Amino acid sequence: MKETSTPELIEKELVASLSFHDNSIHVDQNPEIMKLIEKATLLGNAHHSKVSIIFQDDSGLKRVDTTIWANGAKYICLKGGVWIPIARIVDVKL
């Protein structure tokens, strides 16, 4: 997926402090994004493989390199119980 700007690389531990309250921000979902999330979750659980997750918080584009441990209908869960709304995910690089 094409990004309009370079995402800020952040540590996984900082994701919990980010804000996702602005309901006007909604990423146009690529139909492949759920397939990528499911693949990344499988890689995380079976092989402890890290992926790059590019997402939009209330202040801009971010990237975190981490393991996805679980995914649901609306959120993904990273190691340590950190959650990112799927509606804010721009891309997942395996």
Protein backbone atom coordinates (compact mmCIF):
# COMPACT_ATOMS: atom_id res chain seq x y z
CA MET A 1 0.00 0.00 0.00
CA LYS A 2 1.31 3.44 -0.87
CA GLU A 3 2.04 5.82 1.99
CA THR A 4 1.89 9.59 1.63
CA SER A 5 4.62 10.23 4.21
CA THR A 6 7.33 8.39 6.07
CA PRO A 7 6.00 6.86 9.31
CA GLU A 8 7.72 7.64 12.60
CA LEU A 9 9.39 4.49 13.98
CA ILE A 10 8.40 3.94 17.60
CA GLU A 11 9.06 1.29 20.23
CA LYS A 12 6.28 -1.19 21.02
CA GLU A 13 6.17 0.05 24.61
CA LEU A 14 5.12 3.54 23.40
CA VAL A 15 2.04 2.29 21.51
CA ALA A 16 0.01 2.09 24.74
CA SER A 17 0.51 5.84 25.28
CA LEU A 18 -0.77 6.82 21.82
CA SER A 19 -4.24 8.24 21.26
CA PHE A 20 -6.85 6.69 18.97
CA HIS A 21 -9.79 8.85 20.10
CA ASP A 22 -10.29 11.03 16.98
CA ASN A 23 -13.19 9.25 15.26
CA SER A 24 -12.76 11.34 12.11
CA ILE A 25 -9.51 9.47 11.33
CA HIS A 26 -10.27 6.26 9.51
CA VAL A 27 -7.83 4.55 7.17
CA ASP A 28 -9.22 3.32 3.85
CA GLN A 29 -8.84 -0.41 4.30
CA ASN A 30 -7.01 -2.45 1.74
CA PRO A 31 -9.00 -5.70 1.30
CA GLU A 32 -5.74 -7.60 1.82
CA ILE A 33 -5.07 -6.07 5.26
CA MET A 34 -6.99 -8.74 7.21
CA LYS A 35 -5.15 -11.49 5.32
CA LEU A 36 -1.84 -9.84 6.18
CA ILE A 37 -2.88 -9.49 9.84
CA GLU A 38 -3.90 -13.16 10.01
CA LYS A 39 -0.62 -14.24 8.39
CA ALA A 40 1.38 -12.00 10.74
CA THR A 41 -0.49 -13.41 13.77
CA LEU A 42 0.34 -16.95 12.67
CA LEU A 43 4.00 -16.00 12.19
CA GLY A 44 4.03 -14.36 15.61
CA ASN A 45 2.54 -17.32 17.43
CA ALA A 46 4.31 -20.12 15.58
CA HIS A 47 7.71 -18.54 14.94
CA HIS A 48 7.82 -15.42 17.15
CA SER A 49 8.47 -13.45 13.95
CA LYS A 50 8.34 -9.66 14.03
CA VAL A 51 6.50 -7.64 11.39
CA SER A 52 6.33 -3.93 10.62
CA ILE A 53 2.92 -2.42 11.36
CA ILE A 54 2.25 0.98 9.83
CA PHE A 55 -0.70 2.75 11.42
CA GLN A 56 -2.27 6.15 12.00
CA ASP A 57 -2.73 7.47 15.54
CA ASP A 58 -4.35 10.84 16.31
CA SER A 59 -1.10 12.72 15.63
CA GLY A 60 0.28 11.02 12.52
CA LEU A 61 1.69 7.98 10.78
CA LYS A 62 3.66 5.54 12.96
CA ARG A 63 5.55 2.26 12.44
CA VAL A 64 6.27 -0.38 15.03
CA ASP A 65 8.33 -3.53 14.49
CA THR A 66 6.89 -6.20 16.75
CA THR A 67 5.00 -9.49 17.01
CA ILE A 68 1.21 -9.70 16.61
CA TRP A 69 -0.05 -12.17 19.22
CA ALA A 70 -3.79 -12.03 18.51
CA ASN A 71 -6.32 -10.37 16.25
CA GLY A 72 -10.03 -9.81 16.45
CA ALA A 73 -12.68 -8.03 14.42
CA LYS A 74 -11.61 -4.53 15.50
CA TYR A 75 -8.17 -4.74 17.15
CA ILE A 76 -4.82 -6.49 17.04
CA CYS A 77 -2.96 -7.38 20.22
CA LEU A 78 0.80 -7.02 20.46
CA LYS A 79 3.04 -8.69 23.01
CA GLY A 80 2.42 -7.16 26.43
CA GLY A 81 -1.30 -6.58 25.93
CA VAL A 82 -0.92 -3.51 23.71
CA TRP A 83 -3.82 -2.97 21.29
CA ILE A 84 -4.05 -1.17 17.92
CA PRO A 85 -7.41 -0.57 16.19
CA ILE A 86 -7.51 -2.37 12.82
CA ALA A 87 -9.32 0.66 11.34
CA ARG A 88 -6.07 2.62 11.87
CA ILE A 89 -3.71 0.10 10.24
CA VAL A 90 -2.31 1.25 6.90
CA ASP A 91 -0.05 -1.72 6.11
CA VAL A 92 1.60 -4.82 7.57
CA LYS A 93 4.98 -5.82 6.17
CA LEU A 94 5.81 -9.48 6.77
